[in-house]
PDB file of N, CA and C in Angstrom:
ATOM      1  N   MET A   1      -5.727  12.747 -12.636  1.00  0.00           N
ATOM      2  CA  MET A   1      -4.509  11.695 -11.999  1.00  0.00           C
ATOM      3  C   MET A   1      -4.323  12.384 -10.364  1.00  0.00           C
ATOM      4  N   ILE A   2      -4.696  11.738  -9.230  1.00  0.00           N
ATOM      5  CA  ILE A   2      -4.868  12.205  -7.565  1.00  0.00           C
ATOM      6  C   ILE A   2      -3.558  12.361  -6.899  1.00  0.00           C
ATOM      7  N   THR A   3      -3.668  13.600  -6.695  1.00  0.00           N
ATOM      8  CA  THR A   3      -2.448  14.339  -5.963  1.00  0.00           C
ATOM      9  C   THR A   3      -1.943  14.113  -4.813  1.00  0.00           C
ATOM     10  N   ASN A   4      -1.218  13.789  -4.417  1.00  0.00           N
ATOM     11  CA  ASN A   4      -0.367  13.578  -2.510  1.00  0.00           C
ATOM     12  C   ASN A   4      -1.652  12.632  -1.979  1.00  0.00           C
ATOM     13  N   PRO A   5      -2.004  11.155  -2.939  1.00  0.00           N
ATOM     14  CA  PRO A   5      -2.930  10.635  -2.136  1.00  0.00           C
ATOM     15  C   PRO A   5      -2.608  10.380  -0.595  1.00  0.00           C
ATOM     16  N   ARG A   6      -3.109  10.209   0.519  1.00  0.00           N
ATOM     17  CA  ARG A   6      -2.989   9.783   1.529  1.00  0.00           C
ATOM     18  C   ARG A   6      -3.129   8.161   2.300  1.00  0.00           C
ATOM     19  N   LYS A   7      -3.709   7.612   1.279  1.00  0.00           N
ATOM     20  CA  LYS A   7      -4.248   6.584   1.336  1.00  0.00           C
ATOM     21  C   LYS A   7      -4.528   5.862   0.808  1.00  0.00           C
ATOM     22  N   ILE A   8      -4.074   4.502   0.572  1.00  0.00           N
ATOM     23  CA  ILE A   8      -4.376   3.218  -0.473  1.00  0.00           C
ATOM     24  C   ILE A   8      -5.642   2.288   0.119  1.00  0.00           C
ATOM     25  N   SER A   9      -7.157   2.288  -0.657  1.00  0.00           N
ATOM     26  CA  SER A   9      -7.695   1.055   0.242  1.00  0.00           C
ATOM     27  C   SER A   9      -8.137   0.306  -1.374  1.00  0.00           C
ATOM     28  N   TRP A  10      -8.723  -0.949  -0.659  1.00  0.00           N
ATOM     29  CA  TRP A  10      -8.615  -2.236  -2.095  1.00  0.00           C
ATOM     30  C   TRP A  10      -9.838  -2.766  -1.655  1.00  0.00           C
ATOM     31  N   ASN A  11     -10.256  -4.083  -2.526  1.00  0.00           N
ATOM     32  CA  ASN A  11     -11.046  -4.894  -1.985  1.00  0.00           C
ATOM     33  C   ASN A  11     -10.607  -5.968  -1.707  1.00  0.00           C
ATOM     34  N   ASN A  12     -10.191  -6.823  -1.003  1.00  0.00           N
ATOM     35  CA  ASN A  12      -9.994  -8.133  -0.113  1.00  0.00           C
ATOM     36  C   ASN A  12     -10.541  -9.034  -1.318  1.00  0.00           C
ATOM     37  N   PRO A  13      -9.931  -9.499  -1.855  1.00  0.00           N
ATOM     38  CA  PRO A  13      -9.965 -11.076  -2.283  1.00  0.00           C
ATOM     39  C   PRO A  13     -11.110 -11.870  -1.551  1.00  0.00           C
ATOM     40  N   THR A  14     -11.544 -12.364  -2.137  1.00  0.00           N
ATOM     41  CA  THR A  14     -12.771 -13.203  -1.465  1.00  0.00           C
ATOM     42  C   THR A  14     -12.601 -15.266  -2.483  1.00  0.00           C
ATOM     43  N   GLU A  15     -11.649 -15.272  -3.062  1.00  0.00           N
ATOM     44  CA  GLU A  15     -10.767 -16.553  -3.318  1.00  0.00           C
ATOM     45  C   GLU A  15      -9.509 -16.638  -3.430  1.00  0.00           C
ATOM     46  N   GLY A  16      -9.327 -17.841  -2.968  1.00  0.00           N
ATOM     47  CA  GLY A  16      -7.876 -18.168  -3.627  1.00  0.00           C
ATOM     48  C   GLY A  16      -7.333 -19.532  -4.189  1.00  0.00           C
ATOM     49  N   ILE A  17      -6.053 -19.853  -4.345  1.00  0.00           N
ATOM     50  CA  ILE A  17      -6.210 -20.548  -5.206  1.00  0.00           C
ATOM     51  C   ILE A  17      -5.417 -22.352  -3.996  1.00  0.00           C
ATOM     52  N   ASP A  18      -5.959 -23.427  -3.904  1.00  0.00           N
ATOM     53  CA  ASP A  18      -5.143 -23.921  -2.646  1.00  0.00           C
ATOM     54  C   ASP A  18      -3.933 -25.405  -3.605  1.00  0.00           C
ATOM     55  N   ALA A  19      -3.340 -25.696  -2.869  1.00  0.00           N
ATOM     56  CA  ALA A  19      -2.758 -26.602  -2.934  1.00  0.00           C
ATOM     57  C   ALA A  19      -2.132 -27.453  -4.441  1.00  0.00           C
ATOM     58  N   SER A  20      -3.726 -27.697  -4.298  1.00  0.00           N
ATOM     59  CA  SER A  20      -3.919 -28.994  -5.624  1.00  0.00           C
ATOM     60  C   SER A  20      -4.351 -28.010  -6.722  1.00  0.00           C
ATOM     61  N   GLY A  21      -4.463 -25.849  -6.928  1.00  0.00           N
ATOM     62  CA  GLY A  21      -4.741 -25.827  -8.264  1.00  0.00           C
ATOM     63  C   GLY A  21      -6.097 -25.280  -8.065  1.00  0.00           C
ATOM     64  N   ASN A  22      -7.242 -25.734  -7.123  1.00  0.00           N
ATOM     65  CA  ASN A  22      -8.522 -25.502  -7.101  1.00  0.00           C
ATOM     66  C   ASN A  22      -8.494 -23.982  -5.950  1.00  0.00           C
ATOM     67  N   THR A  23      -9.823 -23.348  -6.702  1.00  0.00           N
ATOM     68  CA  THR A  23     -10.099 -22.674  -6.517  1.00  0.00           C
ATOM     69  C   THR A  23     -10.821 -22.423  -5.113  1.00  0.00           C
ATOM     70  N   VAL A  24     -10.989 -21.654  -3.651  1.00  0.00           N
ATOM     71  CA  VAL A  24     -11.522 -22.288  -3.100  1.00  0.00           C
ATOM     72  C   VAL A  24     -11.984 -20.805  -2.135  1.00  0.00           C
ATOM     73  N   ALA A  25     -12.888 -20.530  -1.071  1.00  0.00           N
ATOM     74  CA  ALA A  25     -13.254 -19.467  -0.246  1.00  0.00           C
ATOM     75  C   ALA A  25     -11.450 -19.072   0.515  1.00  0.00           C
ATOM     76  N   TRP A  26     -11.896 -17.697   0.345  1.00  0.00           N
ATOM     77  CA  TRP A  26     -10.601 -16.864   1.267  1.00  0.00           C
ATOM     78  C   TRP A  26     -11.458 -15.780   1.964  1.00  0.00           C
ATOM     79  N   ASN A  27     -11.489 -15.700   3.206  1.00  0.00           N
ATOM     80  CA  ASN A  27     -11.524 -14.458   3.809  1.00  0.00           C
ATOM     81  C   ASN A  27     -10.316 -13.451   4.776  1.00  0.00           C
ATOM     82  N   ALA A  28     -11.097 -12.632   4.352  1.00  0.00           N
ATOM     83  CA  ALA A  28      -9.391 -11.508   4.667  1.00  0.00           C
ATOM     84  C   ALA A  28     -10.047 -11.519   6.597  1.00  0.00           C
ATOM     85  N   SER A  29     -11.091 -11.522   7.029  1.00  0.00           N
ATOM     86  CA  SER A  29     -11.351 -11.116   8.267  1.00  0.00           C
ATOM     87  C   SER A  29     -10.793 -12.300   8.990  1.00  0.00           C
ATOM     88  N   THR A  30     -10.146 -12.986   8.315  1.00  0.00           N
ATOM     89  CA  THR A  30     -10.013 -15.008   9.164  1.00  0.00           C
ATOM     90  C   THR A  30      -7.975 -14.768   8.591  1.00  0.00           C
ATOM     91  N   ASP A  31      -7.610 -14.657   7.630  1.00  0.00           N
ATOM     92  CA  ASP A  31      -6.528 -14.897   6.923  1.00  0.00           C
ATOM     93  C   ASP A  31      -5.567 -13.668   6.225  1.00  0.00           C
ATOM     94  N   LEU A  32      -6.256 -12.700   6.492  1.00  0.00           N
ATOM     95  CA  LEU A  32      -5.150 -11.623   5.886  1.00  0.00           C
ATOM     96  C   LEU A  32      -4.552 -11.193   7.611  1.00  0.00           C
ATOM     97  N   ALA A  33      -3.025 -11.277   6.818  1.00  0.00           N
ATOM     98  CA  ALA A  33      -1.918 -10.266   7.829  1.00  0.00           C
ATOM     99  C   ALA A  33      -1.231  -9.549   7.426  1.00  0.00           C
ATOM    100  N   GLY A  34      -1.455  -8.718   6.192  1.00  0.00           N
ATOM    101  CA  GLY A  34      -0.561  -7.486   5.911  1.00  0.00           C
ATOM    102  C   GLY A  34      -0.545  -7.328   4.366  1.00  0.00           C
ATOM    103  N   ILE A  35       0.028  -6.703   4.109  1.00  0.00           N
ATOM    104  CA  ILE A  35       0.220  -5.888   2.201  1.00  0.00           C
ATOM    105  C   ILE A  35       1.633  -5.602   2.098  1.00  0.00           C
ATOM    106  N   GLU A  36       1.962  -5.654   0.980  1.00  0.00           N
ATOM    107  CA  GLU A  36       3.242  -5.652   0.566  1.00  0.00           C
ATOM    108  C   GLU A  36       2.675  -4.366  -0.445  1.00  0.00           C
ATOM    109  N   ILE A  37       3.417  -3.717  -0.410  1.00  0.00           N
ATOM    110  CA  ILE A  37       3.583  -2.480  -1.229  1.00  0.00           C
ATOM    111  C   ILE A  37       4.841  -1.721  -2.326  1.00  0.00           C
ATOM    112  N   GLU A  38       4.814  -1.429  -3.494  1.00  0.00           N
ATOM    113  CA  GLU A  38       5.406  -1.218  -4.688  1.00  0.00           C
ATOM    114  C   GLU A  38       5.487  -0.147  -5.138  1.00  0.00           C
ATOM    115  N   LEU A  39       6.596   0.841  -4.494  1.00  0.00           N
ATOM    116  CA  LEU A  39       6.807   1.991  -5.191  1.00  0.00           C
ATOM    117  C   LEU A  39       7.453   2.360  -6.270  1.00  0.00           C
ATOM    118  N   ASP A  40       6.739   2.903  -7.631  1.00  0.00           N
ATOM    119  CA  ASP A  40       7.899   2.783  -8.790  1.00  0.00           C
ATOM    120  C   ASP A  40       8.283   1.902  -9.257  1.00  0.00           C
ATOM    121  N   GLY A  41       7.505   0.215  -9.109  1.00  0.00           N
ATOM    122  CA  GLY A  41       7.786  -0.812  -9.510  1.00  0.00           C
ATOM    123  C   GLY A  41       9.168  -1.950  -8.875  1.00  0.00           C
ATOM    124  N   THR A  42       9.108  -0.730  -7.389  1.00  0.00           N
ATOM    125  CA  THR A  42      10.150  -1.224  -6.451  1.00  0.00           C
ATOM    126  C   THR A  42       9.708  -1.907  -5.400  1.00  0.00           C
ATOM    127  N   PRO A  43       9.759  -3.171  -4.953  1.00  0.00           N
ATOM    128  CA  PRO A  43       9.214  -3.305  -3.589  1.00  0.00           C
ATOM    129  C   PRO A  43       9.745  -2.747  -2.302  1.00  0.00           C
ATOM    130  N   GLU A  44       8.321  -1.636  -2.092  1.00  0.00           N
ATOM    131  CA  GLU A  44       9.164  -1.454  -1.275  1.00  0.00           C
ATOM    132  C   GLU A  44       8.820  -1.167   0.335  1.00  0.00           C
ATOM    133  N   VAL A  45       7.658  -2.033   1.045  1.00  0.00           N
ATOM    134  CA  VAL A  45       7.581  -2.444   2.012  1.00  0.00           C
ATOM    135  C   VAL A  45       6.531  -3.442   2.408  1.00  0.00           C
ATOM    136  N   SER A  46       6.603  -4.497   3.829  1.00  0.00           N
ATOM    137  CA  SER A  46       5.454  -5.020   3.876  1.00  0.00           C
ATOM    138  C   SER A  46       4.832  -4.485   5.406  1.00  0.00           C
ATOM    139  N   VAL A  47       3.581  -4.342   5.062  1.00  0.00           N
ATOM    140  CA  VAL A  47       2.629  -4.216   6.186  1.00  0.00           C
ATOM    141  C   VAL A  47       2.203  -4.580   7.213  1.00  0.00           C
ATOM    142  N   PRO A  48       1.848  -5.061   8.305  1.00  0.00           N
ATOM    143  CA  PRO A  48       0.831  -5.909   8.671  1.00  0.00           C
ATOM    144  C   PRO A  48       0.129  -4.797   9.197  1.00  0.00           C
ATOM    145  N   VAL A  49      -1.413  -5.654   8.772  1.00  0.00           N
ATOM    146  CA  VAL A  49      -2.242  -5.091   9.168  1.00  0.00           C
ATOM    147  C   VAL A  49      -3.403  -5.829   9.945  1.00  0.00           C
ATOM    148  N   SER A  50      -4.936  -5.317  10.531  1.00  0.00           N
ATOM    149  CA  SER A  50      -5.228  -5.849  10.578  1.00  0.00           C
ATOM    150  C   SER A  50      -6.340  -6.741   9.959  1.00  0.00           C
ATOM    151  N   LEU A  51      -7.126  -7.995  10.588  1.00  0.00           N
ATOM    152  CA  LEU A  51      -7.682  -9.169  10.079  1.00  0.00           C
ATOM    153  C   LEU A  51      -9.001  -7.927   9.542  1.00  0.00           C
ATOM    154  N   GLY A  52      -8.902  -8.062   8.467  1.00  0.00           N
ATOM    155  CA  GLY A  52     -10.105  -8.163   7.024  1.00  0.00           C
ATOM    156  C   GLY A  52      -9.805  -6.350   7.346  1.00  0.00           C
ATOM    157  N   ALA A  53      -8.869  -6.053   6.645  1.00  0.00           N
ATOM    158  CA  ALA A  53      -8.020  -4.231   6.735  1.00  0.00           C
ATOM    159  C   ALA A  53      -8.662  -4.332   4.859  1.00  0.00           C
ATOM    160  N   ASN A  54      -8.928  -3.123   4.886  1.00  0.00           N
ATOM    161  CA  ASN A  54      -9.210  -2.646   3.495  1.00  0.00           C
ATOM    162  C   ASN A  54      -8.794  -1.289   2.979  1.00  0.00           C
ATOM    163  N   ASN A  55      -7.706  -0.479   3.719  1.00  0.00           N
ATOM    164  CA  ASN A  55      -6.881   0.870   3.797  1.00  0.00           C
ATOM    165  C   ASN A  55      -5.833   0.986   4.891  1.00  0.00           C
ATOM    166  N   PHE A  56      -5.129   1.679   3.974  1.00  0.00           N
ATOM    167  CA  PHE A  56      -3.721   1.761   4.977  1.00  0.00           C
ATOM    168  C   PHE A  56      -3.461   3.539   4.369  1.00  0.00           C
ATOM    169  N   ASP A  57      -2.430   4.272   5.715  1.00  0.00           N
ATOM    170  CA  ASP A  57      -2.327   5.301   5.626  1.00  0.00           C
ATOM    171  C   ASP A  57      -0.597   5.241   4.714  1.00  0.00           C
ATOM    172  N   LEU A  58      -0.799   6.018   3.405  1.00  0.00           N
ATOM    173  CA  LEU A  58       0.279   5.999   3.244  1.00  0.00           C
ATOM    174  C   LEU A  58       1.071   6.546   3.808  1.00  0.00           C
ATOM    175  N   THR A  59       1.004   7.759   4.542  1.00  0.00           N
ATOM    176  CA  THR A  59       1.726   8.866   5.216  1.00  0.00           C
ATOM    177  C   THR A  59       3.139   8.143   6.099  1.00  0.00           C
ATOM    178  N   THR A  60       2.716   7.205   6.848  1.00  0.00           N
ATOM    179  CA  THR A  60       3.023   6.501   8.189  1.00  0.00           C
ATOM    180  C   THR A  60       4.129   5.668   7.319  1.00  0.00           C
ATOM    181  N   LEU A  61       4.866   5.864   6.176  1.00  0.00           N
ATOM    182  CA  LEU A  61       5.801   5.517   5.199  1.00  0.00           C
ATOM    183  C   LEU A  61       6.817   6.352   4.865  1.00  0.00           C
ATOM    184  N   ALA A  62       7.932   5.825   5.417  1.00  0.00           N
ATOM    185  CA  ALA A  62       8.848   6.914   5.609  1.00  0.00           C
ATOM    186  C   ALA A  62       9.436   7.235   3.498  1.00  0.00           C
ATOM    187  N   SER A  63       9.560   5.683   3.127  1.00  0.00           N
ATOM    188  CA  SER A  63       9.588   5.788   1.680  1.00  0.00           C
ATOM    189  C   SER A  63       9.058   6.307   0.479  1.00  0.00           C
ATOM    190  N   TYR A  64       7.220   6.777   1.479  1.00  0.00           N
ATOM    191  CA  TYR A  64       6.288   7.061   0.749  1.00  0.00           C
ATOM    192  C   TYR A  64       6.977   9.032   0.607  1.00  0.00           C
ATOM    193  N   LYS A  65       7.168   9.153   2.051  1.00  0.00           N
ATOM    194  CA  LYS A  65       7.087  10.143   2.143  1.00  0.00           C
ATOM    195  C   LYS A  65       8.655  10.985   1.269  1.00  0.00           C
ATOM    196  N   ALA A  66       9.562  10.221   1.216  1.00  0.00           N
ATOM    197  CA  ALA A  66      10.548  10.726   0.522  1.00  0.00           C
ATOM    198  C   ALA A  66      10.617  11.061  -0.764  1.00  0.00           C
ATOM    199  N   LEU A  67       9.558  10.603  -1.647  1.00  0.00           N
ATOM    200  CA  LEU A  67       9.502  10.740  -3.269  1.00  0.00           C
ATOM    201  C   LEU A  67       9.790  11.741  -3.751  1.00  0.00           C
ATOM    202  N   ALA A  68      10.394  12.376  -4.549  1.00  0.00           N
ATOM    203  CA  ALA A  68      10.968  13.217  -5.308  1.00  0.00           C
ATOM    204  C   ALA A  68       9.669  13.484  -5.550  1.00  0.00           C
ATOM    205  N   VAL A  69       9.235  15.457  -6.018  1.00  0.00           N
ATOM    206  CA  VAL A  69       7.640  15.311  -6.670  1.00  0.00           C
ATOM    207  C   VAL A  69       7.933  15.380  -8.288  1.00  0.00           C
ATOM    208  N   GLY A  70       6.838  14.674  -8.346  1.00  0.00           N
ATOM    209  CA  GLY A  70       6.706  14.317  -9.693  1.00  0.00           C
ATOM    210  C   GLY A  70       5.833  13.124 -10.066  1.00  0.00           C
ATOM    211  N   GLN A  71       5.489  12.435 -11.325  1.00  0.00           N
ATOM    212  CA  GLN A  71       5.030  11.249 -11.115  1.00  0.00           C
ATOM    213  C   GLN A  71       5.157   9.828 -10.671  1.00  0.00           C
ATOM    214  N   HIS A  72       4.234   8.980 -10.092  1.00  0.00           N
ATOM    215  CA  HIS A  72       4.525   8.113  -9.415  1.00  0.00           C
ATOM    216  C   HIS A  72       3.863   7.093  -9.597  1.00  0.00           C
ATOM    217  N   THR A  73       4.127   5.490  -9.332  1.00  0.00           N
ATOM    218  CA  THR A  73       3.089   4.328  -9.307  1.00  0.00           C
ATOM    219  C   THR A  73       3.111   4.026  -7.473  1.00  0.00           C
ATOM    220  N   ILE A  74       2.106   2.983  -7.518  1.00  0.00           N
ATOM    221  CA  ILE A  74       1.899   2.369  -6.440  1.00  0.00           C
ATOM    222  C   ILE A  74       1.167   1.218  -6.995  1.00  0.00           C
ATOM    223  N   ALA A  75       1.749  -0.242  -6.288  1.00  0.00           N
ATOM    224  CA  ALA A  75       1.031  -1.303  -6.764  1.00  0.00           C
ATOM    225  C   ALA A  75       0.816  -1.973  -5.049  1.00  0.00           C
ATOM    226  N   MET A  76       0.011  -3.009  -5.006  1.00  0.00           N
ATOM    227  CA  MET A  76      -0.207  -3.972  -3.726  1.00  0.00           C
ATOM    228  C   MET A  76      -0.396  -5.516  -4.017  1.00  0.00           C
ATOM    229  N   ALA A  77       0.160  -5.832  -2.785  1.00  0.00           N
ATOM    230  CA  ALA A  77      -0.935  -7.243  -2.611  1.00  0.00           C
ATOM    231  C   ALA A  77      -0.562  -7.662  -1.554  1.00  0.00           C
ATOM    232  N   VAL A  78      -1.741  -8.593  -1.458  1.00  0.00           N
ATOM    233  CA  VAL A  78      -2.180  -9.041   0.165  1.00  0.00           C
ATOM    234  C   VAL A  78      -1.178 -10.296   0.871  1.00  0.00           C
ATOM    235  N   VAL A  79      -1.148 -10.623   2.107  1.00  0.00           N
ATOM    236  CA  VAL A  79      -0.612 -11.168   2.919  1.00  0.00           C
ATOM    237  C   VAL A  79      -1.125 -12.651   3.299  1.00  0.00           C
ATOM    238  N   THR A  80      -1.817 -13.506   3.975  1.00  0.00           N
ATOM    239  CA  THR A  80      -1.765 -14.544   4.130  1.00  0.00           C
ATOM    240  C   THR A  80      -0.814 -14.400   5.924  1.00  0.00           C
ATOM    241  N   LYS A  81      -1.763 -15.062   7.046  1.00  0.00           N
ATOM    242  CA  LYS A  81      -1.064 -15.118   8.090  1.00  0.00           C
ATOM    243  C   LYS A  81       0.405 -16.736   7.663  1.00  0.00           C
ATOM    244  N   GLU A  82      -0.145 -17.457   6.817  1.00  0.00           N
ATOM    245  CA  GLU A  82       0.265 -17.920   6.378  1.00  0.00           C
ATOM    246  C   GLU A  82       1.990 -17.980   6.148  1.00  0.00           C
ATOM    247  N   GLY A  83       2.267 -16.683   5.757  1.00  0.00           N
ATOM    248  CA  GLY A  83       3.288 -16.152   4.625  1.00  0.00           C
ATOM    249  C   GLY A  83       3.425 -15.817   3.306  1.00  0.00           C
ATOM    250  N   ALA A  84       1.718 -16.304   2.467  1.00  0.00           N
ATOM    251  CA  ALA A  84       1.571 -16.665   1.210  1.00  0.00           C
ATOM    252  C   ALA A  84       1.402 -15.816   0.817  1.00  0.00           C
ATOM    253  N   VAL A  85       2.134 -14.778  -0.628  1.00  0.00           N
ATOM    254  CA  VAL A  85       1.708 -13.365  -0.796  1.00  0.00           C
ATOM    255  C   VAL A  85       1.150 -14.147  -2.560  1.00  0.00           C
ATOM    256  N   SER A  86      -0.273 -13.259  -2.805  1.00  0.00           N
ATOM    257  CA  SER A  86      -0.599 -13.112  -3.928  1.00  0.00           C
ATOM    258  C   SER A  86       0.259 -12.250  -5.038  1.00  0.00           C
ATOM    259  N   PRO A  87      -0.626 -12.336  -6.522  1.00  0.00           N
ATOM    260  CA  PRO A  87      -0.114 -11.343  -7.484  1.00  0.00           C
ATOM    261  C   PRO A  87       0.353 -10.138  -6.921  1.00  0.00           C
ATOM    262  N   PHE A  88       0.930  -8.920  -7.421  1.00  0.00           N
ATOM    263  CA  PHE A  88       0.207  -7.056  -6.782  1.00  0.00           C
ATOM    264  C   PHE A  88      -0.281  -6.926  -8.321  1.00  0.00           C
ATOM    265  N   THR A  89      -1.270  -6.325  -7.717  1.00  0.00           N
ATOM    266  CA  THR A  89      -1.919  -5.410  -8.396  1.00  0.00           C
ATOM    267  C   THR A  89      -1.473  -4.716  -9.579  1.00  0.00           C
ATOM    268  N   SER A  90      -2.046  -4.245 -10.752  1.00  0.00           N
ATOM    269  CA  SER A  90      -1.669  -3.241 -11.816  1.00  0.00           C
ATOM    270  C   SER A  90      -1.026  -2.214 -11.231  1.00  0.00           C
ATOM    271  N   ALA A  91      -0.495  -1.282 -11.644  1.00  0.00           N
ATOM    272  CA  ALA A  91       0.170  -0.558 -11.021  1.00  0.00           C
ATOM    273  C   ALA A  91      -0.573   0.865 -11.062  1.00  0.00           C
ATOM    274  N   VAL A  92      -0.626   1.847 -10.087  1.00  0.00           N
ATOM    275  CA  VAL A  92      -1.897   3.120 -10.439  1.00  0.00           C
ATOM    276  C   VAL A  92      -1.112   4.504  -9.831  1.00  0.00           C
ATOM    277  N   THR A  93      -1.334   5.280 -11.141  1.00  0.00           N
ATOM    278  CA  THR A  93      -0.654   6.536 -11.045  1.00  0.00           C
ATOM    279  C   THR A  93      -0.625   7.361 -10.283  1.00  0.00           C
ATOM    280  N   PHE A  94       0.204   8.185  -9.474  1.00  0.00           N
ATOM    281  CA  PHE A  94      -0.699   9.381  -9.091  1.00  0.00           C
ATOM    282  C   PHE A  94       0.967  10.688  -9.046  1.00  0.00           C
ATOM    283  N   LEU A  95       0.393  11.116  -8.451  1.00  0.00           N
ATOM    284  CA  LEU A  95       1.415  12.745  -8.991  1.00  0.00           C
ATOM    285  C   LEU A  95       1.954  13.292  -7.170  1.00  0.00           C
ATOM    286  N   SER A  96       3.575  13.778  -7.196  1.00  0.00           N
ATOM    287  CA  SER A  96       3.606  14.241  -5.609  1.00  0.00           C
ATOM    288  C   SER A  96       4.055  15.112  -6.440  1.00  0.00           C
ATOM    289  N   ALA A  97       3.108  16.216  -5.365  1.00  0.00           N
ATOM    290  CA  ALA A  97       3.255  17.701  -5.921  1.00  0.00           C
ATOM    291  C   ALA A  97       4.381  18.023  -5.387  1.00  0.00           C
ATOM    292  N   VAL A  98       4.299  19.553  -5.526  1.00  0.00           N
ATOM    293  CA  VAL A  98       5.552  20.254  -4.495  1.00  0.00           C
ATOM    294  C   VAL A  98       5.080  20.541  -3.270  1.00  0.00           C
ATOM    295  N   VAL A  99       6.594  20.294  -2.243  1.00  0.00           N
ATOM    296  CA  VAL A  99       6.815  20.810  -1.298  1.00  0.00           C
ATOM    297  C   VAL A  99       6.981  21.248  -0.901  1.00  0.00           C
ATOM    298  N   PRO A 100       6.076  22.206   0.387  1.00  0.00           N
ATOM    299  CA  PRO A 100       7.174  23.451   0.689  1.00  0.00           C
ATOM    300  C   PRO A 100       8.578  23.243   1.684  1.00  0.00           C
ATOM    301  N   LEU A 101       9.075  24.741   0.725  1.00  0.00           N
ATOM    302  CA  LEU A 101      10.232  24.530   1.938  1.00  0.00           C
ATOM    303  C   LEU A 101      10.201  24.731   3.589  1.00  0.00           C
ATOM    304  N   VAL A 102      11.108  24.793   4.248  1.00  0.00           N
ATOM    305  CA  VAL A 102      10.981  24.696   5.736  1.00  0.00           C
ATOM    306  C   VAL A 102      10.540  26.851   6.234  1.00  0.00           C
ATOM    307  N   PRO A 103       9.707  26.436   6.605  1.00  0.00           N
ATOM    308  CA  PRO A 103       9.366  27.671   7.140  1.00  0.00           C
ATOM    309  C   PRO A 103      10.755  29.417   8.236  1.00  0.00           C
ATOM    310  N   THR A 104      10.681  30.097   7.751  1.00  0.00           N
ATOM    311  CA  THR A 104      11.828  30.812   8.242  1.00  0.00           C
ATOM    312  C   THR A 104      11.354  31.561   9.450  1.00  0.00           C
ATOM    313  N   ASN A 105      12.285  32.498  10.128  1.00  0.00           N
ATOM    314  CA  ASN A 105      12.270  32.951  10.877  1.00  0.00           C
ATOM    315  C   ASN A 105      11.188  32.996  12.092  1.00  0.00           C
ATOM    316  N   ILE A 106      11.201  31.794  12.689  1.00  0.00           N
ATOM    317  CA  ILE A 106      10.191  31.747  13.697  1.00  0.00           C
ATOM    318  C   ILE A 106      10.501  32.246  15.000  1.00  0.00           C
ATOM    319  N   VAL A 107       9.667  32.720  15.237  1.00  0.00           N
ATOM    320  CA  VAL A 107       9.945  33.585  17.171  1.00  0.00           C
ATOM    321  C   VAL A 107       8.558  33.625  17.495  1.00  0.00           C
ATOM    322  N   VAL A 108       9.176  33.272  18.493  1.00  0.00           N
ATOM    323  CA  VAL A 108       8.578  32.705  19.698  1.00  0.00           C
ATOM    324  C   VAL A 108       8.517  33.896  21.009  1.00  0.00           C
ATOM    325  N   ALA A 109       7.407  34.184  21.536  1.00  0.00           N
ATOM    326  CA  ALA A 109       6.435  35.403  22.243  1.00  0.00           C
ATOM    327  C   ALA A 109       6.255  34.979  23.482  1.00  0.00           C
TER     328      ALA A 109
END
């Protein structure tokens, strides 16, 4: 199990389902607008990403930085420019390790 991950990365889908239920080509380089992230099974945030993105820095999310020490899960979905959202991935487990306390006795000389 990974400890204190900093980044989530993924492979973008290459197909989607159209309004008629047909499988059609889908291109993240032209159609991807964002991702949605679930932490511990709870939807947390929608994040705009650049077209074709396949990774995101988790440490930019306040909800991620606020996680308690212990085991957690993360899942994600992709969002199209039109606002359609894919199903969420299966959850991946990670460990949030001990976070140090604030330093003390700071001296400036």
